[in-house]
C-alpha atoms as a PDB file:
ATOM      1  CA  MET A   1       8.309   1.308 -28.626  1.00  0.00           C
ATOM      2  CA  THR A   2       5.969   3.446 -29.726  1.00  0.00           C
ATOM      3  CA  ALA A   3       3.211   4.227 -32.597  1.00  0.00           C
ATOM      4  CA  PRO A   4       5.533   5.261 -35.611  1.00  0.00           C
ATOM      5  CA  GLY A   5       5.677   9.322 -36.121  1.00  0.00           C
ATOM      6  CA  GLN A   6       5.609   9.708 -32.919  1.00  0.00           C
ATOM      7  CA  PRO A   7       9.155  11.059 -31.205  1.00  0.00           C
ATOM      8  CA  ARG A   8      10.911   9.080 -28.621  1.00  0.00           C
ATOM      9  CA  ALA A   9      12.218  12.305 -26.727  1.00  0.00           C
ATOM     10  CA  HIS A  10       8.598  13.781 -26.102  1.00  0.00           C
ATOM     11  CA  TYR A  11       7.408  10.045 -24.833  1.00  0.00           C
ATOM     12  CA  ASP A  12       9.986   9.211 -22.696  1.00  0.00           C
ATOM     13  CA  ARG A  13       9.498  12.818 -21.025  1.00  0.00           C
ATOM     14  CA  GLN A  14       5.603  11.944 -20.632  1.00  0.00           C
ATOM     15  CA  LEU A  15       6.648   8.140 -18.889  1.00  0.00           C
ATOM     16  CA  ASP A  16       9.026  10.066 -16.927  1.00  0.00           C
ATOM     17  CA  THR A  17       6.527  12.704 -15.463  1.00  0.00           C
ATOM     18  CA  LEU A  18       4.315  10.336 -14.833  1.00  0.00           C
ATOM     19  CA  ARG A  19       6.797   7.889 -12.918  1.00  0.00           C
ATOM     20  CA  ARG A  20       7.501  11.005 -11.058  1.00  0.00           C
ATOM     21  CA  ASP A  21       3.872  11.616 -10.542  1.00  0.00           C
ATOM     22  CA  LEU A  22       2.880   7.985  -9.398  1.00  0.00           C
ATOM     23  CA  LEU A  23       6.030   8.674  -6.535  1.00  0.00           C
ATOM     24  CA  MET A  24       4.236  11.641  -5.817  1.00  0.00           C
ATOM     25  CA  LEU A  25       1.061   9.645  -5.021  1.00  0.00           C
ATOM     26  CA  GLY A  26       3.167   7.199  -2.915  1.00  0.00           C
ATOM     27  CA  SER A  27       4.640   9.630  -0.914  1.00  0.00           C
ATOM     28  CA  VAL A  28       1.066  10.688  -0.420  1.00  0.00           C
ATOM     29  CA  THR A  29      -0.434   7.731   0.973  1.00  0.00           C
ATOM     30  CA  GLU A  30       2.239   6.709   2.983  1.00  0.00           C
ATOM     31  CA  LYS A  31       1.852   9.595   4.841  1.00  0.00           C
ATOM     32  CA  ALA A  32      -1.426   8.779   5.093  1.00  0.00           C
ATOM     33  CA  VAL A  33      -0.449   5.542   6.602  1.00  0.00           C
ATOM     34  CA  ALA A  34       1.708   6.704   9.120  1.00  0.00           C
ATOM     35  CA  ARG A  35      -0.217   9.642  10.549  1.00  0.00           C
ATOM     36  CA  ALA A  36      -3.496   7.093  10.853  1.00  0.00           C
ATOM     37  CA  VAL A  37      -1.230   5.148  12.605  1.00  0.00           C
ATOM     38  CA  ASP A  38       0.339   7.487  14.982  1.00  0.00           C
ATOM     39  CA  ALA A  39      -3.073   9.143  15.656  1.00  0.00           C
ATOM     40  CA  LEU A  40      -3.945   5.493  16.882  1.00  0.00           C
ATOM     41  CA  ARG A  41      -0.805   5.192  19.088  1.00  0.00           C
ATOM     42  CA  ARG A  42      -1.397   8.671  20.518  1.00  0.00           C
ATOM     43  CA  ARG A  43      -5.426   8.295  20.450  1.00  0.00           C
ATOM     44  CA  ASP A  44      -5.631  11.729  18.796  1.00  0.00           C
ATOM     45  CA  SER A  45      -8.776  12.481  16.607  1.00  0.00           C
ATOM     46  CA  ALA A  46      -8.000  15.974  15.340  1.00  0.00           C
ATOM     47  CA  VAL A  47      -5.190  14.144  13.258  1.00  0.00           C
ATOM     48  CA  ALA A  48      -7.476  11.000  12.518  1.00  0.00           C
ATOM     49  CA  ARG A  49     -10.000  13.776  11.076  1.00  0.00           C
ATOM     50  CA  GLU A  50      -7.187  15.401   8.809  1.00  0.00           C
ATOM     51  CA  VAL A  51      -6.197  11.482   7.416  1.00  0.00           C
ATOM     52  CA  ILE A  52     -10.314  10.928   7.122  1.00  0.00           C
ATOM     53  CA  ARG A  53     -10.696  14.183   5.207  1.00  0.00           C
ATOM     54  CA  GLU A  54      -7.018  14.086   3.008  1.00  0.00           C
ATOM     55  CA  ASP A  55      -8.468  10.712   1.566  1.00  0.00           C
ATOM     56  CA  ARG A  56      -9.817  12.619  -0.599  1.00  0.00           C
ATOM     57  CA  ASN A  57      -7.034  14.304  -1.913  1.00  0.00           C
ATOM     58  CA  ILE A  58      -5.840  10.741  -2.405  1.00  0.00           C
ATOM     59  CA  ASP A  59      -8.765   9.798  -4.436  1.00  0.00           C
ATOM     60  CA  GLU A  60      -8.189  12.999  -6.915  1.00  0.00           C
ATOM     61  CA  ARG A  61      -4.581  12.364  -7.526  1.00  0.00           C
ATOM     62  CA  SER A  62      -5.214   8.778  -8.385  1.00  0.00           C
ATOM     63  CA  TYR A  63      -8.262   9.874 -10.741  1.00  0.00           C
ATOM     64  CA  ASP A  64      -5.867  12.822 -12.770  1.00  0.00           C
ATOM     65  CA  LEU A  65      -2.956  10.177 -12.780  1.00  0.00           C
ATOM     66  CA  GLU A  66      -4.921   7.369 -13.856  1.00  0.00           C
ATOM     67  CA  GLU A  67      -7.047   9.809 -16.702  1.00  0.00           C
ATOM     68  CA  ARG A  68      -3.020  11.159 -17.778  1.00  0.00           C
ATOM     69  CA  ALA A  69      -1.904   7.077 -17.969  1.00  0.00           C
ATOM     70  CA  LEU A  70      -5.139   5.918 -20.003  1.00  0.00           C
ATOM     71  CA  LEU A  71      -4.400   9.118 -22.638  1.00  0.00           C
ATOM     72  CA  LEU A  72      -1.203   7.828 -23.056  1.00  0.00           C
ATOM     73  CA  LEU A  73      -1.865   4.257 -23.568  1.00  0.00           C
ATOM     74  CA  ALA A  74      -4.714   5.814 -26.299  1.00  0.00           C
ATOM     75  CA  THR A  75      -2.377   8.685 -28.089  1.00  0.00           C
ATOM     76  CA  GLN A  76       0.869   6.847 -28.054  1.00  0.00           C
ATOM     77  CA  GLN A  77      -0.116   3.161 -28.819  1.00  0.00           C
ATOM     78  CA  PRO A  78       2.555   1.650 -27.116  1.00  0.00           C
ATOM     79  CA  LEU A  79       4.706  -2.252 -27.646  1.00  0.00           C
ATOM     80  CA  ALA A  80       6.171  -4.220 -25.478  1.00  0.00           C
ATOM     81  CA  THR A  81       7.896  -2.834 -22.535  1.00  0.00           C
ATOM     82  CA  ASP A  82       6.360   0.304 -22.044  1.00  0.00           C
ATOM     83  CA  LEU A  83       3.124  -1.185 -22.513  1.00  0.00           C
ATOM     84  CA  ARG A  84       3.705  -3.350 -19.516  1.00  0.00           C
ATOM     85  CA  THR A  85       4.931  -0.558 -18.020  1.00  0.00           C
ATOM     86  CA  ILE A  86       2.027   1.832 -18.683  1.00  0.00           C
ATOM     87  CA  ALA A  87      -0.226  -0.653 -17.515  1.00  0.00           C
ATOM     88  CA  ALA A  88       1.511  -1.465 -14.846  1.00  0.00           C
ATOM     89  CA  THR A  89       1.078   1.952 -13.673  1.00  0.00           C
ATOM     90  CA  LEU A  90      -2.508   1.799 -13.851  1.00  0.00           C
ATOM     91  CA  PHE A  91      -2.418  -0.970 -11.624  1.00  0.00           C
ATOM     92  CA  ILE A  92      -0.663   0.745  -9.284  1.00  0.00           C
ATOM     93  CA  ILE A  93      -2.317   3.764  -8.665  1.00  0.00           C
ATOM     94  CA  THR A  94      -5.807   1.385  -7.796  1.00  0.00           C
ATOM     95  CA  GLU A  95      -3.783  -0.154  -5.368  1.00  0.00           C
ATOM     96  CA  LEU A  96      -2.066   3.078  -3.722  1.00  0.00           C
ATOM     97  CA  GLU A  97      -6.045   4.940  -3.867  1.00  0.00           C
ATOM     98  CA  ARG A  98      -6.704   0.867  -1.926  1.00  0.00           C
ATOM     99  CA  ILE A  99      -3.967   1.995   0.655  1.00  0.00           C
ATOM    100  CA  GLY A 100      -5.437   5.063   0.996  1.00  0.00           C
ATOM    101  CA  ASP A 101      -8.667   4.044   1.906  1.00  0.00           C
ATOM    102  CA  TYR A 102      -7.164   1.314   4.532  1.00  0.00           C
ATOM    103  CA  ALA A 103      -5.526   4.685   5.740  1.00  0.00           C
ATOM    104  CA  GLU A 104      -8.596   6.211   6.367  1.00  0.00           C
ATOM    105  CA  GLY A 105     -10.369   3.136   8.213  1.00  0.00           C
ATOM    106  CA  ILE A 106      -7.788   3.229  10.772  1.00  0.00           C
ATOM    107  CA  ALA A 107      -8.549   6.775  11.552  1.00  0.00           C
ATOM    108  CA  ARG A 108     -12.055   6.096  11.783  1.00  0.00           C
ATOM    109  CA  ILE A 109     -10.880   3.594  14.123  1.00  0.00           C
ATOM    110  CA  THR A 110      -9.628   6.298  16.437  1.00  0.00           C
ATOM    111  CA  LEU A 111     -12.633   8.024  16.481  1.00  0.00           C
ATOM    112  CA  MET A 112     -14.607   4.731  17.394  1.00  0.00           C
ATOM    113  CA  LEU A 113     -12.354   4.687  20.125  1.00  0.00           C
ATOM    114  CA  GLU A 114     -12.319   7.814  21.585  1.00  0.00           C
ATOM    115  CA  PRO A 115     -15.009   7.179  24.138  1.00  0.00           C
ATOM    116  CA  TYR A 116     -12.898   4.337  25.617  1.00  0.00           C
ATOM    117  CA  PRO A 117      -9.951   4.205  28.321  1.00  0.00           C
ATOM    118  CA  PRO A 118      -6.777   2.725  26.558  1.00  0.00           C
ATOM    119  CA  LEU A 119      -6.673  -0.522  26.314  1.00  0.00           C
ATOM    120  CA  LYS A 120      -3.025  -1.197  26.479  1.00  0.00           C
ATOM    121  CA  PRO A 121       0.094   0.763  25.031  1.00  0.00           C
ATOM    122  CA  LEU A 122       0.567   0.000  21.081  1.00  0.00           C
ATOM    123  CA  ILE A 123       3.922  -1.529  20.217  1.00  0.00           C
ATOM    124  CA  ASP A 124       3.344  -4.498  17.657  1.00  0.00           C
ATOM    125  CA  ILE A 125       0.730  -2.468  15.632  1.00  0.00           C
ATOM    126  CA  PRO A 126       3.188   0.815  15.011  1.00  0.00           C
ATOM    127  CA  ARG A 127       6.231  -2.222  14.477  1.00  0.00           C
ATOM    128  CA  MET A 128       3.488  -3.347  11.595  1.00  0.00           C
ATOM    129  CA  ALA A 129       3.557   0.062  10.606  1.00  0.00           C
ATOM    130  CA  GLU A 130       6.951   0.859  10.074  1.00  0.00           C
ATOM    131  CA  ILE A 131       7.628  -2.718   8.493  1.00  0.00           C
ATOM    132  CA  VAL A 132       4.519  -1.861   5.778  1.00  0.00           C
ATOM    133  CA  LEU A 133       5.507   1.972   4.864  1.00  0.00           C
ATOM    134  CA  GLU A 134       9.039   0.711   4.675  1.00  0.00           C
ATOM    135  CA  MET A 135       7.735  -1.785   1.929  1.00  0.00           C
ATOM    136  CA  LEU A 136       5.553   0.608   0.389  1.00  0.00           C
ATOM    137  CA  HIS A 137       7.970   2.913  -0.202  1.00  0.00           C
ATOM    138  CA  GLY A 138      10.830   0.254  -1.137  1.00  0.00           C
ATOM    139  CA  SER A 139       8.262  -1.414  -3.627  1.00  0.00           C
ATOM    140  CA  LEU A 140       7.406   1.668  -5.588  1.00  0.00           C
ATOM    141  CA  ALA A 141      11.522   2.632  -5.853  1.00  0.00           C
ATOM    142  CA  ALA A 142      11.686  -0.538  -7.533  1.00  0.00           C
ATOM    143  CA  PHE A 143       9.284  -0.031  -9.801  1.00  0.00           C
ATOM    144  CA  VAL A 144      10.983   3.408 -11.132  1.00  0.00           C
ATOM    145  CA  ASP A 145      14.507   1.498 -10.916  1.00  0.00           C
ATOM    146  CA  GLY A 146      13.406  -1.434 -12.306  1.00  0.00           C
ATOM    147  CA  ASP A 147      15.117  -3.042  -9.235  1.00  0.00           C
ATOM    148  CA  LEU A 148      13.850  -7.240  -9.484  1.00  0.00           C
ATOM    149  CA  VAL A 149      16.131  -7.911  -6.424  1.00  0.00           C
ATOM    150  CA  ALA A 150      14.777  -5.163  -4.304  1.00  0.00           C
ATOM    151  CA  CYS A 151      11.030  -6.248  -5.495  1.00  0.00           C
ATOM    152  CA  GLN A 152      11.987  -9.868  -3.983  1.00  0.00           C
ATOM    153  CA  ALA A 153      12.958  -8.412  -1.090  1.00  0.00           C
ATOM    154  CA  ILE A 154      10.466  -6.495  -0.251  1.00  0.00           C
ATOM    155  CA  TRP A 155       7.982  -9.445  -1.565  1.00  0.00           C
ATOM    156  CA  HIS A 156       9.319 -11.908   1.322  1.00  0.00           C
ATOM    157  CA  ARG A 157       8.928  -9.041   3.785  1.00  0.00           C
ATOM    158  CA  ASP A 158       5.211  -9.980   4.326  1.00  0.00           C
ATOM    159  CA  ASP A 159       6.064 -12.920   5.905  1.00  0.00           C
ATOM    160  CA  GLU A 160       7.181 -10.251   8.821  1.00  0.00           C
ATOM    161  CA  VAL A 161       3.871  -8.642   8.546  1.00  0.00           C
ATOM    162  CA  ASP A 162       1.466 -11.556   8.849  1.00  0.00           C
ATOM    163  CA  ALA A 163       3.329 -13.164  11.523  1.00  0.00           C
ATOM    164  CA  LEU A 164       3.292  -9.508  13.540  1.00  0.00           C
ATOM    165  CA  TYR A 165      -0.509  -9.645  12.824  1.00  0.00           C
ATOM    166  CA  ASP A 166      -0.662 -13.495  14.494  1.00  0.00           C
ATOM    167  CA  GLN A 167       0.877 -12.055  17.247  1.00  0.00           C
ATOM    168  CA  VAL A 168      -1.892  -8.965  17.789  1.00  0.00           C
ATOM    169  CA  TYR A 169      -4.466 -11.073  17.061  1.00  0.00           C
ATOM    170  CA  ARG A 170      -3.835 -13.746  19.954  1.00  0.00           C
ATOM    171  CA  GLU A 171      -2.549 -10.883  22.218  1.00  0.00           C
ATOM    172  CA  LEU A 172      -5.863  -9.146  21.816  1.00  0.00           C
ATOM    173  CA  LEU A 173      -8.130 -12.712  21.741  1.00  0.00           C
ATOM    174  CA  THR A 174      -6.548 -13.092  25.153  1.00  0.00           C
ATOM    175  CA  TYR A 175      -7.555  -9.648  26.641  1.00  0.00           C
ATOM    176  CA  MET A 176     -11.320 -10.215  25.378  1.00  0.00           C
ATOM    177  CA  LEU A 177     -11.506 -13.854  26.977  1.00  0.00           C
ATOM    178  CA  SER A 178     -10.186 -12.548  30.146  1.00  0.00           C
ATOM    179  CA  ASP A 179     -12.376  -9.644  30.393  1.00  0.00           C
ATOM    180  CA  PRO A 180     -15.305  -9.207  27.980  1.00  0.00           C
ATOM    181  CA  GLY A 181     -15.718  -5.588  28.902  1.00  0.00           C
ATOM    182  CA  THR A 182     -12.470  -4.810  26.436  1.00  0.00           C
ATOM    183  CA  ILE A 183     -14.031  -6.869  23.446  1.00  0.00           C
ATOM    184  CA  GLU A 184     -15.217  -3.695  21.651  1.00  0.00           C
ATOM    185  CA  ARG A 185     -11.532  -2.322  21.780  1.00  0.00           C
ATOM    186  CA  ALA A 186      -9.940  -5.286  21.512  1.00  0.00           C
ATOM    187  CA  THR A 187     -12.189  -5.843  17.930  1.00  0.00           C
ATOM    188  CA  ARG A 188     -11.326  -2.500  16.475  1.00  0.00           C
ATOM    189  CA  LEU A 189      -7.382  -2.615  17.146  1.00  0.00           C
ATOM    190  CA  ILE A 190      -7.774  -6.167  15.175  1.00  0.00           C
ATOM    191  CA  TRP A 191      -9.224  -4.346  12.597  1.00  0.00           C
ATOM    192  CA  ALA A 192      -6.554  -1.725  12.510  1.00  0.00           C
ATOM    193  CA  ALA A 193      -3.622  -4.369  12.440  1.00  0.00           C
ATOM    194  CA  HIS A 194      -5.800  -6.491   9.874  1.00  0.00           C
ATOM    195  CA  ASN A 195      -5.579  -3.009   7.514  1.00  0.00           C
ATOM    196  CA  LEU A 196      -2.487  -3.160   7.873  1.00  0.00           C
ATOM    197  CA  GLU A 197      -1.688  -6.605   6.885  1.00  0.00           C
ATOM    198  CA  ARG A 198      -4.218  -5.742   3.724  1.00  0.00           C
ATOM    199  CA  ILE A 199      -1.441  -2.944   2.647  1.00  0.00           C
ATOM    200  CA  ALA A 200       1.373  -5.463   2.964  1.00  0.00           C
ATOM    201  CA  ASP A 201      -0.430  -7.467   0.454  1.00  0.00           C
ATOM    202  CA  ARG A 202      -1.308  -5.032  -2.152  1.00  0.00           C
ATOM    203  CA  VAL A 203       2.446  -4.199  -1.511  1.00  0.00           C
ATOM    204  CA  THR A 204       3.308  -7.364  -2.758  1.00  0.00           C
ATOM    205  CA  ASN A 205       0.506  -7.093  -5.726  1.00  0.00           C
ATOM    206  CA  ILE A 206       3.110  -4.411  -6.532  1.00  0.00           C
ATOM    207  CA  CYS A 207       5.889  -5.983  -6.293  1.00  0.00           C
ATOM    208  CA  GLU A 208       4.929  -8.935  -8.900  1.00  0.00           C
ATOM    209  CA  ARG A 209       3.541  -6.616 -11.273  1.00  0.00           C
ATOM    210  CA  THR A 210       6.922  -4.917 -11.415  1.00  0.00           C
ATOM    211  CA  ALA A 211       8.803  -7.996 -11.579  1.00  0.00           C
ATOM    212  CA  PHE A 212       6.709  -8.947 -14.768  1.00  0.00           C
ATOM    213  CA  VAL A 213       7.172  -5.535 -15.988  1.00  0.00           C
ATOM    214  CA  ILE A 214      10.588  -6.071 -15.446  1.00  0.00           C
ATOM    215  CA  THR A 215      10.894  -9.905 -16.988  1.00  0.00           C
ATOM    216  CA  GLY A 216       7.472 -10.282 -18.947  1.00  0.00           C
ATOM    217  CA  ASN A 217       7.122 -13.275 -17.180  1.00  0.00           C
ATOM    218  CA  PRO A 218       4.231 -13.289 -14.865  1.00  0.00           C
ATOM    219  CA  ARG A 219       5.675 -16.055 -12.106  1.00  0.00           C
ATOM    220  CA  ALA A 220       8.718 -13.789 -11.929  1.00  0.00           C
ATOM    221  CA  LEU A 221       7.384 -13.574  -8.354  1.00  0.00           C
ATOM    222  CA  PRO A 222       6.351 -16.855  -6.338  1.00  0.00           C
ATOM    223  CA  SER A 223       2.266 -17.319  -5.934  1.00  0.00           C
ATOM    224  CA  ASP A 224       0.811 -17.005  -2.319  1.00  0.00           C
ATOM    225  CA  GLU A 225       0.035 -20.886  -2.455  1.00  0.00           C
ATOM    226  CA  GLU A 226       3.986 -21.740  -3.715  1.00  0.00           C
ATOM    227  CA  ALA A 227       5.047 -19.382  -0.731  1.00  0.00           C
ATOM    228  CA  ALA A 228       3.548 -21.418   1.613  1.00  0.00           C
ATOM    229  CA  PRO A 229       4.963 -24.228   4.056  1.00  0.00           C
ATOM    230  CA  GLY A 230       4.497 -27.369   1.725  1.00  0.00           C
ATOM    231  CA  GLY A 231       3.558 -25.578  -1.058  1.00  0.00           C
END
């Protein structure tokens, strides 16, 4: 529902454009995460530097999309579901911008590791990235499609990412305890894994906000406390 006197068809086109451009921002952000982790895995400093430079593009796209969403709020005065949709879009823009920052952080870790020999082949960190990217892509599609079932499924995949992060942490801690010379490299890799774990948390935030848009219920998905064992 929009303010009186505003043609609905024109307003719907504006909303559709907003959703389309949000998906485009999501695609650019997904690519940044994928390239950052690939650069880390292959120790490719050139690609890492490209990811770092590209973060400015993500920021600029985010600001532009945010400005257009705010303009839509100001000029159309949406009500009910439309208001929640635009508010959620603003929220998701912020989440994507932060995810871009995490990708940049992983790229910077690649540069920090450049002077050192490889500690070990990376297996679990790329696997974490694979799951995180599936979650991110799916969460944006669920927002655009209004798919509550998909939101719930994606939200629960955070447990997979947490389990892999714990595995990475324990393995790298073992390296550090057995050989102090590995501490710096292992610590950097833990940072990279932590960035991926935080991306997954951002994706669950997107799912929670999408569920609210669909249902109008802020508790449509369980909180972290409710989902925890014994919670």
